[in-house]
PDB file of N, CA and C in Angstrom:
ATOM      1  N   MET A   1     100.346 116.798  94.822  1.00  0.00           N
ATOM      2  CA  MET A   1     100.195 116.515  93.399  1.00  0.00           C
ATOM      3  C   MET A   1      98.967 115.639  93.217  1.00  0.00           C
ATOM      4  N   ILE A   2      98.235 115.884  92.165  1.00  0.00           N
ATOM      5  CA  ILE A   2      96.972 115.181  91.923  1.00  0.00           C
ATOM      6  C   ILE A   2      97.192 113.720  91.658  1.00  0.00           C
ATOM      7  N   LEU A   3      98.284 113.352  90.993  1.00  0.00           N
ATOM      8  CA  LEU A   3      98.580 111.959  90.709  1.00  0.00           C
ATOM      9  C   LEU A   3      98.807 111.175  91.990  1.00  0.00           C
ATOM     10  N   ASP A   4      99.433 111.804  92.962  1.00  0.00           N
ATOM     11  CA  ASP A   4      99.664 111.160  94.274  1.00  0.00           C
ATOM     12  C   ASP A   4      98.296 110.867  94.935  1.00  0.00           C
ATOM     13  N   LYS A   5      97.406 111.794  94.839  1.00  0.00           N
ATOM     14  CA  LYS A   5      96.070 111.616  95.501  1.00  0.00           C
ATOM     15  C   LYS A   5      95.254 110.524  94.796  1.00  0.00           C
ATOM     16  N   ILE A   6      95.348 110.480  93.466  1.00  0.00           N
ATOM     17  CA  ILE A   6      94.642 109.418  92.733  1.00  0.00           C
ATOM     18  C   ILE A   6      95.212 108.055  93.117  1.00  0.00           C
ATOM     19  N   ALA A   7      96.538 108.004  93.161  1.00  0.00           N
ATOM     20  CA  ALA A   7      97.172 106.711  93.532  1.00  0.00           C
ATOM     21  C   ALA A   7      96.776 106.298  94.932  1.00  0.00           C
ATOM     22  N   MET A   8      96.737 107.239  95.878  1.00  0.00           N
ATOM     23  CA  MET A   8      96.355 106.910  97.224  1.00  0.00           C
ATOM     24  C   MET A   8      94.888 106.436  97.263  1.00  0.00           C
ATOM     25  N   LEU A   9      94.011 107.091  96.508  1.00  0.00           N
ATOM     26  CA  LEU A   9      92.608 106.688  96.478  1.00  0.00           C
ATOM     27  C   LEU A   9      92.465 105.268  95.962  1.00  0.00           C
ATOM     28  N   LEU A  10      93.176 104.940  94.887  1.00  0.00           N
ATOM     29  CA  LEU A  10      93.128 103.580  94.346  1.00  0.00           C
ATOM     30  C   LEU A  10      93.701 102.562  95.347  1.00  0.00           C
ATOM     31  N   LEU A  11      94.716 102.945  96.097  1.00  0.00           N
ATOM     32  CA  LEU A  11      95.240 102.030  97.134  1.00  0.00           C
ATOM     33  C   LEU A  11      94.238 101.837  98.256  1.00  0.00           C
ATOM     34  N   ILE A  12      93.513 102.831  98.602  1.00  0.00           N
ATOM     35  CA  ILE A  12      92.477 102.688  99.630  1.00  0.00           C
ATOM     36  C   ILE A  12      91.379 101.745  99.126  1.00  0.00           C
ATOM     37  N   ILE A  13      90.972 101.927  97.896  1.00  0.00           N
ATOM     38  CA  ILE A  13      89.968 101.007  97.322  1.00  0.00           C
ATOM     39  C   ILE A  13      90.491  99.584  97.318  1.00  0.00           C
ATOM     40  N   GLY A  14      91.728  99.430  96.901  1.00  0.00           N
ATOM     41  CA  GLY A  14      92.357  98.091  96.870  1.00  0.00           C
ATOM     42  C   GLY A  14      92.457  97.486  98.272  1.00  0.00           C
ATOM     43  N   GLY A  15      92.821  98.307  99.252  1.00  0.00           N
ATOM     44  CA  GLY A  15      92.933  97.823 100.605  1.00  0.00           C
ATOM     45  C   GLY A  15      91.602  97.391 101.192  1.00  0.00           C
ATOM     46  N   ILE A  16      90.568  98.179 100.897  1.00  0.00           N
ATOM     47  CA  ILE A  16      89.229  97.788 101.347  1.00  0.00           C
ATOM     48  C   ILE A  16      88.810  96.494 100.696  1.00  0.00           C
ATOM     49  N   ASN A  17      89.074  96.389  99.387  1.00  0.00           N
ATOM     50  CA  ASN A  17      88.725  95.160  98.675  1.00  0.00           C
ATOM     51  C   ASN A  17      89.430  93.959  99.263  1.00  0.00           C
ATOM     52  N   TRP A  18      90.717  94.091  99.516  1.00  0.00           N
ATOM     53  CA  TRP A  18      91.484  92.969 100.106  1.00  0.00           C
ATOM     54  C   TRP A  18      90.979  92.638 101.504  1.00  0.00           C
ATOM     55  N   GLY A  19      90.566  93.647 102.248  1.00  0.00           N
ATOM     56  CA  GLY A  19      89.996  93.407 103.573  1.00  0.00           C
ATOM     57  C   GLY A  19      88.703  92.600 103.464  1.00  0.00           C
ATOM     58  N   LEU A  20      87.874  92.965 102.506  1.00  0.00           N
ATOM     59  CA  LEU A  20      86.619  92.197 102.286  1.00  0.00           C
ATOM     60  C   LEU A  20      86.916  90.778 101.871  1.00  0.00           C
ATOM     61  N   VAL A  21      87.930  90.598 101.041  1.00  0.00           N
ATOM     62  CA  VAL A  21      88.309  89.243 100.608  1.00  0.00           C
ATOM     63  C   VAL A  21      88.785  88.429 101.805  1.00  0.00           C
ATOM     64  N   GLY A  22      89.629  89.054 102.632  1.00  0.00           N
ATOM     65  CA  GLY A  22      90.209  88.350 103.774  1.00  0.00           C
ATOM     66  C   GLY A  22      89.205  88.026 104.850  1.00  0.00           C
ATOM     67  N   ILE A  23      88.269  88.909 105.089  1.00  0.00           N
ATOM     68  CA  ILE A  23      87.323  88.722 106.200  1.00  0.00           C
ATOM     69  C   ILE A  23      86.083  87.931 105.737  1.00  0.00           C
ATOM     70  N   PHE A  24      85.539  88.295 104.606  1.00  0.00           N
ATOM     71  CA  PHE A  24      84.273  87.746 104.173  1.00  0.00           C
ATOM     72  C   PHE A  24      84.329  86.862 102.924  1.00  0.00           C
ATOM     73  N   GLU A  25      85.548  86.732 102.361  1.00  0.00           N
ATOM     74  CA  GLU A  25      85.706  86.030 101.099  1.00  0.00           C
ATOM     75  C   GLU A  25      84.841  86.608  99.991  1.00  0.00           C
ATOM     76  N   PHE A  26      84.764  87.937  99.964  1.00  0.00           N
ATOM     77  CA  PHE A  26      83.930  88.673  99.025  1.00  0.00           C
ATOM     78  C   PHE A  26      84.760  89.692  98.267  1.00  0.00           C
ATOM     79  N   ASP A  27      84.901  89.548  96.968  1.00  0.00           N
ATOM     80  CA  ASP A  27      85.653  90.452  96.112  1.00  0.00           C
ATOM     81  C   ASP A  27      84.704  91.477  95.535  1.00  0.00           C
ATOM     82  N   LEU A  28      84.718  92.673  96.099  1.00  0.00           N
ATOM     83  CA  LEU A  28      83.771  93.723  95.685  1.00  0.00           C
ATOM     84  C   LEU A  28      84.002  94.150  94.248  1.00  0.00           C
ATOM     85  N   VAL A  29      85.264  94.259  93.811  1.00  0.00           N
ATOM     86  CA  VAL A  29      85.562  94.651  92.449  1.00  0.00           C
ATOM     87  C   VAL A  29      85.013  93.644  91.458  1.00  0.00           C
ATOM     88  N   ALA A  30      85.217  92.387  91.742  1.00  0.00           N
ATOM     89  CA  ALA A  30      84.704  91.313  90.848  1.00  0.00           C
ATOM     90  C   ALA A  30      83.174  91.304  90.862  1.00  0.00           C
ATOM     91  N   PHE A  31      82.601  91.535  92.021  1.00  0.00           N
ATOM     92  CA  PHE A  31      81.143  91.583  92.152  1.00  0.00           C
ATOM     93  C   PHE A  31      80.531  92.711  91.291  1.00  0.00           C
ATOM     94  N   LEU A  32      81.161  93.884  91.390  1.00  0.00           N
ATOM     95  CA  LEU A  32      80.619  95.065  90.699  1.00  0.00           C
ATOM     96  C   LEU A  32      80.830  95.012  89.184  1.00  0.00           C
ATOM     97  N   PHE A  33      81.920  94.338  88.752  1.00  0.00           N
ATOM     98  CA  PHE A  33      82.269  94.452  87.348  1.00  0.00           C
ATOM     99  C   PHE A  33      82.246  93.118  86.599  1.00  0.00           C
ATOM    100  N   GLY A  34      81.508  92.119  87.100  1.00  0.00           N
ATOM    101  CA  GLY A  34      81.267  90.905  86.325  1.00  0.00           C
ATOM    102  C   GLY A  34      82.256  89.782  86.508  1.00  0.00           C
ATOM    103  N   GLY A  35      82.870  89.693  87.638  1.00  0.00           N
ATOM    104  CA  GLY A  35      83.818  88.586  87.913  1.00  0.00           C
ATOM    105  C   GLY A  35      85.222  89.037  87.825  1.00  0.00           C
ATOM    106  N   SER A  36      86.118  88.263  88.447  1.00  0.00           N
ATOM    107  CA  SER A  36      87.532  88.659  88.506  1.00  0.00           C
ATOM    108  C   SER A  36      88.217  88.506  87.147  1.00  0.00           C
ATOM    109  N   ALA A  37      87.675  87.749  86.244  1.00  0.00           N
ATOM    110  CA  ALA A  37      88.266  87.567  84.915  1.00  0.00           C
ATOM    111  C   ALA A  37      87.735  88.599  83.897  1.00  0.00           C
ATOM    112  N   ALA A  38      86.746  89.377  84.281  1.00  0.00           N
ATOM    113  CA  ALA A  38      86.218  90.384  83.368  1.00  0.00           C
ATOM    114  C   ALA A  38      87.266  91.448  83.086  1.00  0.00           C
ATOM    115  N   ILE A  39      87.263  91.932  81.910  1.00  0.00           N
ATOM    116  CA  ILE A  39      88.340  92.885  81.465  1.00  0.00           C
ATOM    117  C   ILE A  39      88.351  94.143  82.351  1.00  0.00           C
ATOM    118  N   ILE A  40      87.201  94.683  82.720  1.00  0.00           N
ATOM    119  CA  ILE A  40      87.177  95.872  83.543  1.00  0.00           C
ATOM    120  C   ILE A  40      87.739  95.586  84.949  1.00  0.00           C
ATOM    121  N   SER A  41      87.434  94.423  85.507  1.00  0.00           N
ATOM    122  CA  SER A  41      87.994  94.061  86.788  1.00  0.00           C
ATOM    123  C   SER A  41      89.513  93.941  86.718  1.00  0.00           C
ATOM    124  N   ARG A  42      89.997  93.338  85.648  1.00  0.00           N
ATOM    125  CA  ARG A  42      91.457  93.175  85.480  1.00  0.00           C
ATOM    126  C   ARG A  42      92.129  94.549  85.300  1.00  0.00           C
ATOM    127  N   ILE A  43      91.447  95.474  84.592  1.00  0.00           N
ATOM    128  CA  ILE A  43      92.024  96.827  84.442  1.00  0.00           C
ATOM    129  C   ILE A  43      92.111  97.504  85.801  1.00  0.00           C
ATOM    130  N   ILE A  44      91.063  97.364  86.620  1.00  0.00           N
ATOM    131  CA  ILE A  44      91.092  97.953  87.942  1.00  0.00           C
ATOM    132  C   ILE A  44      92.178  97.373  88.800  1.00  0.00           C
ATOM    133  N   TYR A  45      92.341  96.060  88.752  1.00  0.00           N
ATOM    134  CA  TYR A  45      93.430  95.412  89.512  1.00  0.00           C
ATOM    135  C   TYR A  45      94.792  95.935  89.088  1.00  0.00           C
ATOM    136  N   VAL A  46      94.981  96.106  87.775  1.00  0.00           N
ATOM    137  CA  VAL A  46      96.253  96.601  87.276  1.00  0.00           C
ATOM    138  C   VAL A  46      96.476  98.054  87.678  1.00  0.00           C
ATOM    139  N   LEU A  47      95.431  98.874  87.637  1.00  0.00           N
ATOM    140  CA  LEU A  47      95.554 100.281  88.092  1.00  0.00           C
ATOM    141  C   LEU A  47      95.930 100.346  89.568  1.00  0.00           C
ATOM    142  N   ILE A  48      95.349  99.485  90.354  1.00  0.00           N
ATOM    143  CA  ILE A  48      95.702  99.460  91.797  1.00  0.00           C
ATOM    144  C   ILE A  48      97.146  99.033  91.961  1.00  0.00           C
ATOM    145  N   ALA A  49      97.612  98.066  91.218  1.00  0.00           N
ATOM    146  CA  ALA A  49      99.009  97.660  91.299  1.00  0.00           C
ATOM    147  C   ALA A  49      99.960  98.761  90.865  1.00  0.00           C
ATOM    148  N   ILE A  50      99.629  99.479  89.794  1.00  0.00           N
ATOM    149  CA  ILE A  50     100.456 100.582  89.349  1.00  0.00           C
ATOM    150  C   ILE A  50     100.452 101.667  90.406  1.00  0.00           C
ATOM    151  N   SER A  51      99.293 101.899  91.057  1.00  0.00           N
ATOM    152  CA  SER A  51      99.222 102.892  92.133  1.00  0.00           C
ATOM    153  C   SER A  51     100.159 102.523  93.299  1.00  0.00           C
ATOM    154  N   ALA A  52     100.195 101.249  93.589  1.00  0.00           N
ATOM    155  CA  ALA A  52     101.092 100.801  94.677  1.00  0.00           C
ATOM    156  C   ALA A  52     102.540 101.067  94.322  1.00  0.00           C
ATOM    157  N   LEU A  53     102.901 100.819  93.098  1.00  0.00           N
ATOM    158  CA  LEU A  53     104.283 101.099  92.659  1.00  0.00           C
ATOM    159  C   LEU A  53     104.567 102.596  92.683  1.00  0.00           C
ATOM    160  N   TRP A  54     103.583 103.379  92.267  1.00  0.00           N
ATOM    161  CA  TRP A  54     103.779 104.841  92.263  1.00  0.00           C
ATOM    162  C   TRP A  54     103.943 105.338  93.690  1.00  0.00           C
ATOM    163  N   CYS A  55     103.227 104.786  94.640  1.00  0.00           N
ATOM    164  CA  CYS A  55     103.250 105.265  96.018  1.00  0.00           C
ATOM    165  C   CYS A  55     104.567 104.921  96.707  1.00  0.00           C
ATOM    166  N   ILE A  56     105.323 103.979  96.152  1.00  0.00           N
ATOM    167  CA  ILE A  56     106.691 103.747  96.668  1.00  0.00           C
ATOM    168  C   ILE A  56     107.489 105.051  96.618  1.00  0.00           C
ATOM    169  N   SER A  57     107.296 105.813  95.552  1.00  0.00           N
ATOM    170  CA  SER A  57     108.015 107.077  95.392  1.00  0.00           C
ATOM    171  C   SER A  57     107.717 108.098  96.475  1.00  0.00           C
ATOM    172  N   LEU A  58     106.508 107.975  97.067  1.00  0.00           N
ATOM    173  CA  LEU A  58     106.132 108.917  98.114  1.00  0.00           C
ATOM    174  C   LEU A  58     107.037 108.840  99.333  1.00  0.00           C
ATOM    175  N   PHE A  59     107.570 107.656  99.608  1.00  0.00           N
ATOM    176  CA  PHE A  59     108.494 107.512 100.707  1.00  0.00           C
ATOM    177  C   PHE A  59     109.721 108.380 100.459  1.00  0.00           C
ATOM    178  N   PHE A  60     110.238 108.416  99.272  1.00  0.00           N
ATOM    179  CA  PHE A  60     111.406 109.186  98.934  1.00  0.00           C
ATOM    180  C   PHE A  60     111.098 110.652  98.820  1.00  0.00           C
ATOM    181  N   LYS A  61     109.935 111.041  98.396  1.00  0.00           N
ATOM    182  CA  LYS A  61     109.555 112.429  98.318  1.00  0.00           C
ATOM    183  C   LYS A  61     109.493 113.046  99.707  1.00  0.00           C
ATOM    184  N   ARG A  62     108.896 112.321 100.644  1.00  0.00           N
ATOM    185  CA  ARG A  62     108.771 112.858 102.022  1.00  0.00           C
ATOM    186  C   ARG A  62     110.149 113.035 102.609  1.00  0.00           C
ATOM    187  N   GLU A  63     111.020 112.073 102.413  1.00  0.00           N
ATOM    188  CA  GLU A  63     112.351 112.145 102.995  1.00  0.00           C
ATOM    189  C   GLU A  63     113.140 113.287 102.392  1.00  0.00           C
ATOM    190  N   SER A  64     113.019 113.500 101.071  1.00  0.00           N
ATOM    191  CA  SER A  64     113.771 114.596 100.439  1.00  0.00           C
ATOM    192  C   SER A  64     113.210 115.954 100.900  1.00  0.00           C
ATOM    193  N   LEU A  65     111.890 116.050 101.114  1.00  0.00           N
ATOM    194  CA  LEU A  65     111.328 117.313 101.595  1.00  0.00           C
ATOM    195  C   LEU A  65     111.821 117.623 103.004  1.00  0.00           C
ATOM    196  N   ILE A  66     111.903 116.619 103.853  1.00  0.00           N
ATOM    197  CA  ILE A  66     112.385 116.833 105.218  1.00  0.00           C
ATOM    198  C   ILE A  66     113.855 117.232 105.176  1.00  0.00           C
ATOM    199  N   SER A  67     114.695 116.587 104.446  1.00  0.00           N
ATOM    200  CA  SER A  67     116.103 116.923 104.409  1.00  0.00           C
ATOM    201  C   SER A  67     116.323 118.310 103.794  1.00  0.00           C
ATOM    202  N   GLU A  68     115.529 118.723 102.810  1.00  0.00           N
ATOM    203  CA  GLU A  68     115.649 120.058 102.255  1.00  0.00           C
ATOM    204  C   GLU A  68     115.279 121.106 103.255  1.00  0.00           C
ATOM    205  N   THR A  69     114.243 120.874 104.061  1.00  0.00           N
ATOM    206  CA  THR A  69     113.833 121.810 105.093  1.00  0.00           C
ATOM    207  C   THR A  69     114.901 121.970 106.156  1.00  0.00           C
ATOM    208  N   GLN A  70     115.511 120.882 106.585  1.00  0.00           N
ATOM    209  CA  GLN A  70     116.529 120.912 107.620  1.00  0.00           C
ATOM    210  C   GLN A  70     117.808 121.607 107.131  1.00  0.00           C
ATOM    211  N   THR A  71     118.191 121.413 105.893  1.00  0.00           N
ATOM    212  CA  THR A  71     119.408 122.035 105.394  1.00  0.00           C
ATOM    213  C   THR A  71     119.233 123.522 105.103  1.00  0.00           C
ATOM    214  N   SER A  72     117.988 123.972 104.875  1.00  0.00           N
ATOM    215  CA  SER A  72     117.781 125.374 104.571  1.00  0.00           C
ATOM    216  C   SER A  72     117.795 126.257 105.821  1.00  0.00           C
ATOM    217  N   ARG A  73     117.766 125.649 107.009  1.00  0.00           N
ATOM    218  CA  ARG A  73     117.757 126.443 108.234  1.00  0.00           C
ATOM    219  C   ARG A  73     119.093 126.929 108.627  1.00  0.00           C
TER     220      ARG A  73
END
């Protein structure tokens, strides 16, 4: 599903950003969009958080797909 891929992409961006913060104390999102308090930066942070919540559902989708495959045999 396309929404799953978008959510995963945003999580990858967020993970890279957190890695940069942890290793170099450099927030790439804040740097690119005018600081961490800038409205666009805050929107990106919120989208990444929503993506993380969305991806929780992927754990249950995978499990249901596996159980459906096993019961159909």
